Amino acid sequence: MSAASSLPLPAPLLLNDAAQAYARELQGNRCPHAAEAALADLDRYLGSPAPLLAYTRPSGAAWIATLPAAEQPAARALLDEFRAFLRAGDWFDAARPVNLFD
């Protein structure tokens, strides 16, 4: 067994961790509890605890399609804002494993 094969793999970043950070950033701007509840529902849809990389545009669209029609526009806007938060904070880059041994 080589030394490289005994190195532990890093734990994946979880969607819930990113959702909580996003909700904290919303403090004072608008109700963070509604956003956190909606993102917790997305996390359950993706198989809680879902890794952050399970959230993609297609998986988000599939989750939105499960919601009542009246809730879909707000959910779509929430995911657009959440995605912008993730990109601005480099969450996706941090969630991708790099330099792992072959």
PDB file of N, CA and C in Angstrom:
ATOM      1  N   MET A   1       0.842  -1.165   0.000  1.00  0.00           N
ATOM      2  CA  MET A   1       0.000   0.000   0.000  1.00  0.00           C
ATOM      3  C   MET A   1       0.895   1.239   0.000  1.00  0.00           C
ATOM      4  N   SER A   2       0.613   2.162  -0.914  1.00  0.00           N
ATOM      5  CA  SER A   2       1.430   3.364  -0.988  1.00  0.00           C
ATOM      6  C   SER A   2       0.940   4.401   0.012  1.00  0.00           C
ATOM      7  N   ALA A   3       1.773   5.371   0.258  1.00  0.00           N
ATOM      8  CA  ALA A   3       1.408   6.443   1.188  1.00  0.00           C
ATOM      9  C   ALA A   3       0.227   7.236   0.645  1.00  0.00           C
ATOM     10  N   ALA A   4       0.180   7.401  -0.666  1.00  0.00           N
ATOM     11  CA  ALA A   4      -0.901   8.176  -1.273  1.00  0.00           C
ATOM     12  C   ALA A   4      -2.255   7.515  -1.063  1.00  0.00           C
ATOM     13  N   SER A   5      -2.296   6.184  -1.114  1.00  0.00           N
ATOM     14  CA  SER A   5      -3.581   5.507  -0.974  1.00  0.00           C
ATOM     15  C   SER A   5      -4.105   5.547   0.457  1.00  0.00           C
ATOM     16  N   SER A   6      -3.262   5.906   1.419  1.00  0.00           N
ATOM     17  CA  SER A   6      -3.721   5.971   2.803  1.00  0.00           C
ATOM     18  C   SER A   6      -4.175   7.373   3.200  1.00  0.00           C
ATOM     19  N   LEU A   7      -4.022   8.345   2.287  1.00  0.00           N
ATOM     20  CA  LEU A   7      -4.461   9.701   2.593  1.00  0.00           C
ATOM     21  C   LEU A   7      -5.989   9.765   2.575  1.00  0.00           C
ATOM     22  N   PRO A   8      -6.583  10.403   3.560  1.00  0.00           N
ATOM     23  CA  PRO A   8      -8.039  10.511   3.568  1.00  0.00           C
ATOM     24  C   PRO A   8      -8.507  11.511   2.512  1.00  0.00           C
ATOM     25  N   LEU A   9      -9.640  11.219   1.897  1.00  0.00           N
ATOM     26  CA  LEU A   9     -10.232  12.156   0.957  1.00  0.00           C
ATOM     27  C   LEU A   9     -10.944  13.247   1.748  1.00  0.00           C
ATOM     28  N   PRO A  10     -10.914  14.472   1.256  1.00  0.00           N
ATOM     29  CA  PRO A  10     -11.605  15.535   1.980  1.00  0.00           C
ATOM     30  C   PRO A  10     -13.120  15.305   1.948  1.00  0.00           C
ATOM     31  N   ALA A  11     -13.787  15.700   3.020  1.00  0.00           N
ATOM     32  CA  ALA A  11     -15.243  15.575   3.079  1.00  0.00           C
ATOM     33  C   ALA A  11     -15.850  16.556   2.075  1.00  0.00           C
ATOM     34  N   PRO A  12     -16.885  16.136   1.377  1.00  0.00           N
ATOM     35  CA  PRO A  12     -17.491  17.047   0.395  1.00  0.00           C
ATOM     36  C   PRO A  12     -18.200  18.206   1.098  1.00  0.00           C
ATOM     37  N   LEU A  13     -18.180  19.349   0.443  1.00  0.00           N
ATOM     38  CA  LEU A  13     -18.970  20.466   0.940  1.00  0.00           C
ATOM     39  C   LEU A  13     -20.443  20.121   0.761  1.00  0.00           C
ATOM     40  N   LEU A  14     -21.238  20.439   1.753  1.00  0.00           N
ATOM     41  CA  LEU A  14     -22.661  20.096   1.707  1.00  0.00           C
ATOM     42  C   LEU A  14     -23.502  21.295   1.296  1.00  0.00           C
ATOM     43  N   LEU A  15     -24.573  21.003   0.586  1.00  0.00           N
ATOM     44  CA  LEU A  15     -25.520  22.027   0.183  1.00  0.00           C
ATOM     45  C   LEU A  15     -26.045  22.772   1.403  1.00  0.00           C
ATOM     46  N   ASN A  16     -26.314  22.054   2.473  1.00  0.00           N
ATOM     47  CA  ASN A  16     -26.848  22.666   3.681  1.00  0.00           C
ATOM     48  C   ASN A  16     -25.876  23.697   4.267  1.00  0.00           C
ATOM     49  N   ASP A  17     -24.584  23.429   4.207  1.00  0.00           N
ATOM     50  CA  ASP A  17     -23.593  24.390   4.714  1.00  0.00           C
ATOM     51  C   ASP A  17     -23.646  25.690   3.911  1.00  0.00           C
ATOM     52  N   ALA A  18     -23.728  25.556   2.601  1.00  0.00           N
ATOM     53  CA  ALA A  18     -23.811  26.736   1.736  1.00  0.00           C
ATOM     54  C   ALA A  18     -25.124  27.479   1.955  1.00  0.00           C
ATOM     55  N   ALA A  19     -26.210  26.739   2.142  1.00  0.00           N
ATOM     56  CA  ALA A  19     -27.513  27.364   2.374  1.00  0.00           C
ATOM     57  C   ALA A  19     -27.517  28.157   3.672  1.00  0.00           C
ATOM     58  N   GLN A  20     -26.890  27.627   4.703  1.00  0.00           N
ATOM     59  CA  GLN A  20     -26.822  28.345   5.981  1.00  0.00           C
ATOM     60  C   GLN A  20     -25.983  29.617   5.848  1.00  0.00           C
ATOM     61  N   ALA A  21     -24.886  29.539   5.115  1.00  0.00           N
ATOM     62  CA  ALA A  21     -24.051  30.725   4.898  1.00  0.00           C
ATOM     63  C   ALA A  21     -24.828  31.775   4.108  1.00  0.00           C
ATOM     64  N   TYR A  22     -25.588  31.337   3.124  1.00  0.00           N
ATOM     65  CA  TYR A  22     -26.409  32.251   2.326  1.00  0.00           C
ATOM     66  C   TYR A  22     -27.470  32.912   3.201  1.00  0.00           C
ATOM     67  N   ALA A  23     -28.127  32.150   4.049  1.00  0.00           N
ATOM     68  CA  ALA A  23     -29.161  32.694   4.931  1.00  0.00           C
ATOM     69  C   ALA A  23     -28.558  33.713   5.900  1.00  0.00           C
ATOM     70  N   ARG A  24     -27.360  33.440   6.393  1.00  0.00           N
ATOM     71  CA  ARG A  24     -26.697  34.406   7.290  1.00  0.00           C
ATOM     72  C   ARG A  24     -26.431  35.719   6.559  1.00  0.00           C
ATOM     73  N   GLU A  25     -26.091  35.624   5.285  1.00  0.00           N
ATOM     74  CA  GLU A  25     -25.818  36.832   4.506  1.00  0.00           C
ATOM     75  C   GLU A  25     -27.095  37.641   4.250  1.00  0.00           C
ATOM     76  N   LEU A  26     -28.236  36.982   4.278  1.00  0.00           N
ATOM     77  CA  LEU A  26     -29.508  37.670   4.049  1.00  0.00           C
ATOM     78  C   LEU A  26     -30.000  38.436   5.264  1.00  0.00           C
ATOM     79  N   GLN A  27     -29.415  38.211   6.420  1.00  0.00           N
ATOM     80  CA  GLN A  27     -29.860  38.879   7.648  1.00  0.00           C
ATOM     81  C   GLN A  27     -29.987  40.373   7.397  1.00  0.00           C
ATOM     82  N   GLY A  28     -31.141  40.929   7.744  1.00  0.00           N
ATOM     83  CA  GLY A  28     -31.366  42.355   7.596  1.00  0.00           C
ATOM     84  C   GLY A  28     -31.927  42.759   6.254  1.00  0.00           C
ATOM     85  N   ASN A  29     -31.663  42.001   5.206  1.00  0.00           N
ATOM     86  CA  ASN A  29     -32.177  42.350   3.884  1.00  0.00           C
ATOM     87  C   ASN A  29     -33.605  41.850   3.693  1.00  0.00           C
ATOM     88  N   ARG A  30     -33.847  40.644   4.081  1.00  0.00           N
ATOM     89  CA  ARG A  30     -35.178  40.042   4.003  1.00  0.00           C
ATOM     90  C   ARG A  30     -35.165  38.789   4.853  1.00  0.00           C
ATOM     91  N   CYS A  31     -36.268  38.123   4.929  1.00  0.00           N
ATOM     92  CA  CYS A  31     -36.407  36.980   5.825  1.00  0.00           C
ATOM     93  C   CYS A  31     -35.498  35.818   5.397  1.00  0.00           C
ATOM     94  N   PRO A  32     -34.452  35.563   6.169  1.00  0.00           N
ATOM     95  CA  PRO A  32     -33.564  34.457   5.806  1.00  0.00           C
ATOM     96  C   PRO A  32     -34.198  33.096   6.062  1.00  0.00           C
ATOM     97  N   HIS A  33     -35.208  33.047   6.939  1.00  0.00           N
ATOM     98  CA  HIS A  33     -35.809  31.759   7.294  1.00  0.00           C
ATOM     99  C   HIS A  33     -36.539  31.129   6.110  1.00  0.00           C
ATOM    100  N   ALA A  34     -37.205  31.934   5.312  1.00  0.00           N
ATOM    101  CA  ALA A  34     -37.909  31.403   4.145  1.00  0.00           C
ATOM    102  C   ALA A  34     -36.915  30.835   3.129  1.00  0.00           C
ATOM    103  N   ALA A  35     -35.826  31.554   2.912  1.00  0.00           N
ATOM    104  CA  ALA A  35     -34.807  31.074   1.973  1.00  0.00           C
ATOM    105  C   ALA A  35     -34.171  29.799   2.499  1.00  0.00           C
ATOM    106  N   GLU A  36     -33.859  29.774   3.785  1.00  0.00           N
ATOM    107  CA  GLU A  36     -33.237  28.590   4.371  1.00  0.00           C
ATOM    108  C   GLU A  36     -34.186  27.395   4.312  1.00  0.00           C
ATOM    109  N   ALA A  37     -35.476  27.621   4.553  1.00  0.00           N
ATOM    110  CA  ALA A  37     -36.459  26.534   4.488  1.00  0.00           C
ATOM    111  C   ALA A  37     -36.577  25.993   3.063  1.00  0.00           C
ATOM    112  N   ALA A  38     -36.598  26.884   2.091  1.00  0.00           N
ATOM    113  CA  ALA A  38     -36.696  26.440   0.693  1.00  0.00           C
ATOM    114  C   ALA A  38     -35.453  25.657   0.287  1.00  0.00           C
ATOM    115  N   LEU A  39     -34.278  26.138   0.699  1.00  0.00           N
ATOM    116  CA  LEU A  39     -33.045  25.428   0.348  1.00  0.00           C
ATOM    117  C   LEU A  39     -32.928  24.110   1.103  1.00  0.00           C
ATOM    118  N   ALA A  40     -33.512  24.030   2.298  1.00  0.00           N
ATOM    119  CA  ALA A  40     -33.550  22.750   3.019  1.00  0.00           C
ATOM    120  C   ALA A  40     -34.442  21.764   2.269  1.00  0.00           C
ATOM    121  N   ASP A  41     -35.515  22.267   1.671  1.00  0.00           N
ATOM    122  CA  ASP A  41     -36.385  21.411   0.858  1.00  0.00           C
ATOM    123  C   ASP A  41     -35.633  20.909  -0.375  1.00  0.00           C
ATOM    124  N   LEU A  42     -34.854  21.779  -1.004  1.00  0.00           N
ATOM    125  CA  LEU A  42     -34.017  21.365  -2.137  1.00  0.00           C
ATOM    126  C   LEU A  42     -33.023  20.304  -1.692  1.00  0.00           C
ATOM    127  N   ASP A  43     -32.415  20.493  -0.530  1.00  0.00           N
ATOM    128  CA  ASP A  43     -31.456  19.518   0.006  1.00  0.00           C
ATOM    129  C   ASP A  43     -32.134  18.155   0.186  1.00  0.00           C
ATOM    130  N   ARG A  44     -33.334  18.138   0.745  1.00  0.00           N
ATOM    131  CA  ARG A  44     -34.068  16.862   0.909  1.00  0.00           C
ATOM    132  C   ARG A  44     -34.370  16.240  -0.453  1.00  0.00           C
ATOM    133  N   TYR A  45     -34.763  17.069  -1.405  1.00  0.00           N
ATOM    134  CA  TYR A  45     -35.051  16.577  -2.753  1.00  0.00           C
ATOM    135  C   TYR A  45     -33.817  15.901  -3.364  1.00  0.00           C
ATOM    136  N   LEU A  46     -32.641  16.460  -3.081  1.00  0.00           N
ATOM    137  CA  LEU A  46     -31.398  15.919  -3.641  1.00  0.00           C
ATOM    138  C   LEU A  46     -30.805  14.784  -2.815  1.00  0.00           C
ATOM    139  N   GLY A  47     -31.470  14.412  -1.710  1.00  0.00           N
ATOM    140  CA  GLY A  47     -31.025  13.257  -0.920  1.00  0.00           C
ATOM    141  C   GLY A  47     -30.221  13.635   0.301  1.00  0.00           C
ATOM    142  N   SER A  48     -30.733  14.517   1.085  1.00  0.00           N
ATOM    143  CA  SER A  48     -30.071  15.056   2.275  1.00  0.00           C
ATOM    144  C   SER A  48     -29.293  14.000   3.049  1.00  0.00           C
ATOM    145  N   PRO A  49     -28.102  14.296   3.461  1.00  0.00           N
ATOM    146  CA  PRO A  49     -27.345  15.513   3.217  1.00  0.00           C
ATOM    147  C   PRO A  49     -26.708  15.482   1.829  1.00  0.00           C
ATOM    148  N   ALA A  50     -27.103  16.405   0.994  1.00  0.00           N
ATOM    149  CA  ALA A  50     -26.637  16.429  -0.392  1.00  0.00           C
ATOM    150  C   ALA A  50     -25.323  17.190  -0.498  1.00  0.00           C
ATOM    151  N   PRO A  51     -24.382  16.650  -1.258  1.00  0.00           N
ATOM    152  CA  PRO A  51     -23.170  17.430  -1.518  1.00  0.00           C
ATOM    153  C   PRO A  51     -23.541  18.654  -2.353  1.00  0.00           C
ATOM    154  N   LEU A  52     -22.817  19.715  -2.196  1.00  0.00           N
ATOM    155  CA  LEU A  52     -23.106  20.939  -2.932  1.00  0.00           C
ATOM    156  C   LEU A  52     -23.136  20.697  -4.438  1.00  0.00           C
ATOM    157  N   LEU A  53     -22.251  19.841  -4.920  1.00  0.00           N
ATOM    158  CA  LEU A  53     -22.186  19.611  -6.368  1.00  0.00           C
ATOM    159  C   LEU A  53     -23.389  18.839  -6.912  1.00  0.00           C
ATOM    160  N   ALA A  54     -24.270  18.359  -6.043  1.00  0.00           N
ATOM    161  CA  ALA A  54     -25.516  17.744  -6.516  1.00  0.00           C
ATOM    162  C   ALA A  54     -26.470  18.812  -7.029  1.00  0.00           C
ATOM    163  N   TYR A  55     -26.259  20.045  -6.584  1.00  0.00           N
ATOM    164  CA  TYR A  55     -27.092  21.152  -7.055  1.00  0.00           C
ATOM    165  C   TYR A  55     -26.510  21.680  -8.356  1.00  0.00           C
ATOM    166  N   THR A  56     -27.243  21.477  -9.427  1.00  0.00           N
ATOM    167  CA  THR A  56     -26.885  21.982 -10.747  1.00  0.00           C
ATOM    168  C   THR A  56     -28.104  22.728 -11.285  1.00  0.00           C
ATOM    169  N   ARG A  57     -27.940  23.396 -12.396  1.00  0.00           N
ATOM    170  CA  ARG A  57     -29.113  24.056 -12.992  1.00  0.00           C
ATOM    171  C   ARG A  57     -30.212  23.027 -13.299  1.00  0.00           C
ATOM    172  N   PRO A  58     -29.883  21.866 -13.902  1.00  0.00           N
ATOM    173  CA  PRO A  58     -30.942  20.881 -14.163  1.00  0.00           C
ATOM    174  C   PRO A  58     -31.578  20.318 -12.885  1.00  0.00           C
ATOM    175  N   SER A  59     -30.793  20.052 -11.841  1.00  0.00           N
ATOM    176  CA  SER A  59     -31.402  19.511 -10.624  1.00  0.00           C
ATOM    177  C   SER A  59     -32.252  20.572  -9.933  1.00  0.00           C
ATOM    178  N   GLY A  60     -31.828  21.822 -10.006  1.00  0.00           N
ATOM    179  CA  GLY A  60     -32.641  22.905  -9.462  1.00  0.00           C
ATOM    180  C   GLY A  60     -33.950  23.058 -10.224  1.00  0.00           C
ATOM    181  N   ALA A  61     -33.891  22.969 -11.550  1.00  0.00           N
ATOM    182  CA  ALA A  61     -35.103  23.066 -12.362  1.00  0.00           C
ATOM    183  C   ALA A  61     -36.045  21.898 -12.082  1.00  0.00           C
ATOM    184  N   ALA A  62     -35.482  20.713 -11.879  1.00  0.00           N
ATOM    185  CA  ALA A  62     -36.319  19.547 -11.564  1.00  0.00           C
ATOM    186  C   ALA A  62     -37.010  19.731 -10.220  1.00  0.00           C
ATOM    187  N   TRP A  63     -36.304  20.291  -9.236  1.00  0.00           N
ATOM    188  CA  TRP A  63     -36.919  20.557  -7.932  1.00  0.00           C
ATOM    189  C   TRP A  63     -38.034  21.591  -8.064  1.00  0.00           C
ATOM    190  N   ILE A  64     -37.774  22.664  -8.801  1.00  0.00           N
ATOM    191  CA  ILE A  64     -38.784  23.705  -9.000  1.00  0.00           C
ATOM    192  C   ILE A  64     -40.042  23.114  -9.620  1.00  0.00           C
ATOM    193  N   ALA A  65     -39.883  22.177 -10.545  1.00  0.00           N
ATOM    194  CA  ALA A  65     -41.035  21.562 -11.211  1.00  0.00           C
ATOM    195  C   ALA A  65     -41.912  20.778 -10.241  1.00  0.00           C
ATOM    196  N   THR A  66     -41.371  20.381  -9.089  1.00  0.00           N
ATOM    197  CA  THR A  66     -42.168  19.640  -8.106  1.00  0.00           C
ATOM    198  C   THR A  66     -43.008  20.563  -7.231  1.00  0.00           C
ATOM    199  N   LEU A  67     -42.747  21.858  -7.289  1.00  0.00           N
ATOM    200  CA  LEU A  67     -43.451  22.823  -6.447  1.00  0.00           C
ATOM    201  C   LEU A  67     -44.767  23.239  -7.087  1.00  0.00           C
ATOM    202  N   PRO A  68     -45.715  23.695  -6.278  1.00  0.00           N
ATOM    203  CA  PRO A  68     -46.947  24.247  -6.841  1.00  0.00           C
ATOM    204  C   PRO A  68     -46.612  25.421  -7.780  1.00  0.00           C
ATOM    205  N   ALA A  69     -47.398  25.597  -8.813  1.00  0.00           N
ATOM    206  CA  ALA A  69     -47.129  26.622  -9.828  1.00  0.00           C
ATOM    207  C   ALA A  69     -46.976  28.010  -9.225  1.00  0.00           C
ATOM    208  N   ALA A  70     -47.731  28.319  -8.204  1.00  0.00           N
ATOM    209  CA  ALA A  70     -47.665  29.643  -7.585  1.00  0.00           C
ATOM    210  C   ALA A  70     -46.335  29.895  -6.873  1.00  0.00           C
ATOM    211  N   GLU A  71     -45.655  28.845  -6.451  1.00  0.00           N
ATOM    212  CA  GLU A  71     -44.379  28.985  -5.732  1.00  0.00           C
ATOM    213  C   GLU A  71     -43.170  28.963  -6.658  1.00  0.00           C
ATOM    214  N   GLN A  72     -43.358  28.543  -7.883  1.00  0.00           N
ATOM    215  CA  GLN A  72     -42.225  28.357  -8.786  1.00  0.00           C
ATOM    216  C   GLN A  72     -41.459  29.635  -9.128  1.00  0.00           C
ATOM    217  N   PRO A  73     -42.121  30.771  -9.409  1.00  0.00           N
ATOM    218  CA  PRO A  73     -41.334  31.977  -9.720  1.00  0.00           C
ATOM    219  C   PRO A  73     -40.429  32.420  -8.561  1.00  0.00           C
ATOM    220  N   ALA A  74     -40.925  32.362  -7.345  1.00  0.00           N
ATOM    221  CA  ALA A  74     -40.113  32.752  -6.192  1.00  0.00           C
ATOM    222  C   ALA A  74     -38.952  31.774  -6.003  1.00  0.00           C
ATOM    223  N   ALA A  75     -39.200  30.482  -6.209  1.00  0.00           N
ATOM    224  CA  ALA A  75     -38.139  29.483  -6.075  1.00  0.00           C
ATOM    225  C   ALA A  75     -37.076  29.685  -7.153  1.00  0.00           C
ATOM    226  N   ARG A  76     -37.515  30.012  -8.354  1.00  0.00           N
ATOM    227  CA  ARG A  76     -36.565  30.262  -9.444  1.00  0.00           C
ATOM    228  C   ARG A  76     -35.691  31.470  -9.116  1.00  0.00           C
ATOM    229  N   ALA A  77     -36.300  32.540  -8.601  1.00  0.00           N
ATOM    230  CA  ALA A  77     -35.538  33.736  -8.225  1.00  0.00           C
ATOM    231  C   ALA A  77     -34.565  33.416  -7.085  1.00  0.00           C
ATOM    232  N   LEU A  78     -35.023  32.631  -6.110  1.00  0.00           N
ATOM    233  CA  LEU A  78     -34.159  32.240  -5.004  1.00  0.00           C
ATOM    234  C   LEU A  78     -32.944  31.472  -5.510  1.00  0.00           C
ATOM    235  N   LEU A  79     -33.166  30.505  -6.400  1.00  0.00           N
ATOM    236  CA  LEU A  79     -32.037  29.722  -6.901  1.00  0.00           C
ATOM    237  C   LEU A  79     -31.083  30.574  -7.733  1.00  0.00           C
ATOM    238  N   ASP A  80     -31.609  31.551  -8.468  1.00  0.00           N
ATOM    239  CA  ASP A  80     -30.730  32.455  -9.218  1.00  0.00           C
ATOM    240  C   ASP A  80     -29.836  33.243  -8.262  1.00  0.00           C
ATOM    241  N   GLU A  81     -30.423  33.755  -7.178  1.00  0.00           N
ATOM    242  CA  GLU A  81     -29.647  34.515  -6.198  1.00  0.00           C
ATOM    243  C   GLU A  81     -28.666  33.607  -5.448  1.00  0.00           C
ATOM    244  N   PHE A  82     -29.114  32.408  -5.110  1.00  0.00           N
ATOM    245  CA  PHE A  82     -28.256  31.462  -4.401  1.00  0.00           C
ATOM    246  C   PHE A  82     -27.070  31.073  -5.274  1.00  0.00           C
ATOM    247  N   ARG A  83     -27.318  30.832  -6.560  1.00  0.00           N
ATOM    248  CA  ARG A  83     -26.248  30.462  -7.477  1.00  0.00           C
ATOM    249  C   ARG A  83     -25.233  31.598  -7.596  1.00  0.00           C
ATOM    250  N   ALA A  84     -25.718  32.837  -7.658  1.00  0.00           N
ATOM    251  CA  ALA A  84     -24.823  33.995  -7.728  1.00  0.00           C
ATOM    252  C   ALA A  84     -23.971  34.075  -6.454  1.00  0.00           C
ATOM    253  N   PHE A  85     -24.584  33.809  -5.296  1.00  0.00           N
ATOM    254  CA  PHE A  85     -23.852  33.782  -4.030  1.00  0.00           C
ATOM    255  C   PHE A  85     -22.767  32.701  -4.062  1.00  0.00           C
ATOM    256  N   LEU A  86     -23.119  31.522  -4.562  1.00  0.00           N
ATOM    257  CA  LEU A  86     -22.158  30.421  -4.619  1.00  0.00           C
ATOM    258  C   LEU A  86     -20.987  30.751  -5.530  1.00  0.00           C
ATOM    259  N   ARG A  87     -21.276  31.353  -6.663  1.00  0.00           N
ATOM    260  CA  ARG A  87     -20.206  31.715  -7.601  1.00  0.00           C
ATOM    261  C   ARG A  87     -19.329  32.825  -7.028  1.00  0.00           C
ATOM    262  N   ALA A  88     -19.943  33.851  -6.455  1.00  0.00           N
ATOM    263  CA  ALA A  88     -19.183  34.981  -5.905  1.00  0.00           C
ATOM    264  C   ALA A  88     -18.286  34.527  -4.754  1.00  0.00           C
ATOM    265  N   GLY A  89     -18.746  33.563  -3.974  1.00  0.00           N
ATOM    266  CA  GLY A  89     -17.968  33.069  -2.843  1.00  0.00           C
ATOM    267  C   GLY A  89     -17.072  31.896  -3.172  1.00  0.00           C
ATOM    268  N   ASP A  90     -16.981  31.535  -4.447  1.00  0.00           N
ATOM    269  CA  ASP A  90     -16.143  30.416  -4.906  1.00  0.00           C
ATOM    270  C   ASP A  90     -16.520  29.083  -4.258  1.00  0.00           C
ATOM    271  N   TRP A  91     -17.790  28.926  -3.892  1.00  0.00           N
ATOM    272  CA  TRP A  91     -18.243  27.680  -3.276  1.00  0.00           C
ATOM    273  C   TRP A  91     -18.083  26.500  -4.231  1.00  0.00           C
ATOM    274  N   PHE A  92     -18.441  26.699  -5.505  1.00  0.00           N
ATOM    275  CA  PHE A  92     -18.340  25.581  -6.454  1.00  0.00           C
ATOM    276  C   PHE A  92     -16.893  25.148  -6.638  1.00  0.00           C
ATOM    277  N   ASP A  93     -15.989  26.122  -6.739  1.00  0.00           N
ATOM    278  CA  ASP A  93     -14.570  25.781  -6.890  1.00  0.00           C
ATOM    279  C   ASP A  93     -14.059  25.027  -5.667  1.00  0.00           C
ATOM    280  N   ALA A  94     -14.477  25.453  -4.491  1.00  0.00           N
ATOM    281  CA  ALA A  94     -14.044  24.788  -3.263  1.00  0.00           C
ATOM    282  C   ALA A  94     -14.610  23.379  -3.146  1.00  0.00           C
ATOM    283  N   ALA A  95     -15.755  23.143  -3.764  1.00  0.00           N
ATOM    284  CA  ALA A  95     -16.401  21.835  -3.659  1.00  0.00           C
ATOM    285  C   ALA A  95     -15.820  20.808  -4.625  1.00  0.00           C
ATOM    286  N   ARG A  96     -15.123  21.282  -5.647  1.00  0.00           N
ATOM    287  CA  ARG A  96     -14.558  20.359  -6.632  1.00  0.00           C
ATOM    288  C   ARG A  96     -13.221  19.837  -6.141  1.00  0.00           C
ATOM    289  N   PRO A  97     -13.088  18.523  -6.054  1.00  0.00           N
ATOM    290  CA  PRO A  97     -11.791  17.981  -5.637  1.00  0.00           C
ATOM    291  C   PRO A  97     -10.750  18.203  -6.736  1.00  0.00           C
ATOM    292  N   VAL A  98      -9.629  18.719  -6.332  1.00  0.00           N
ATOM    293  CA  VAL A  98      -8.529  18.937  -7.284  1.00  0.00           C
ATOM    294  C   VAL A  98      -7.285  18.249  -6.749  1.00  0.00           C
ATOM    295  N   ASN A  99      -6.434  17.901  -7.642  1.00  0.00           N
ATOM    296  CA  ASN A  99      -5.154  17.297  -7.313  1.00  0.00           C
ATOM    297  C   ASN A  99      -5.310  16.002  -6.499  1.00  0.00           C
ATOM    298  N   LEU A 100      -6.357  15.249  -6.792  1.00  0.00           N
ATOM    299  CA  LEU A 100      -6.489  13.949  -6.156  1.00  0.00           C
ATOM    300  C   LEU A 100      -5.637  12.942  -6.920  1.00  0.00           C
ATOM    301  N   PHE A 101      -5.132  11.970  -6.227  1.00  0.00           N
ATOM    302  CA  PHE A 101      -4.277  10.982  -6.864  1.00  0.00           C
ATOM    303  C   PHE A 101      -5.084  10.099  -7.811  1.00  0.00           C
ATOM    304  N   ASP A 102      -4.487   9.740  -8.927  1.00  0.00           N
ATOM    305  CA  ASP A 102      -5.130   8.825  -9.893  1.00  0.00           C
ATOM    306  C   ASP A 102      -5.102   7.429  -9.336  1.00  0.00           C
TER     307      ASP A 102
END
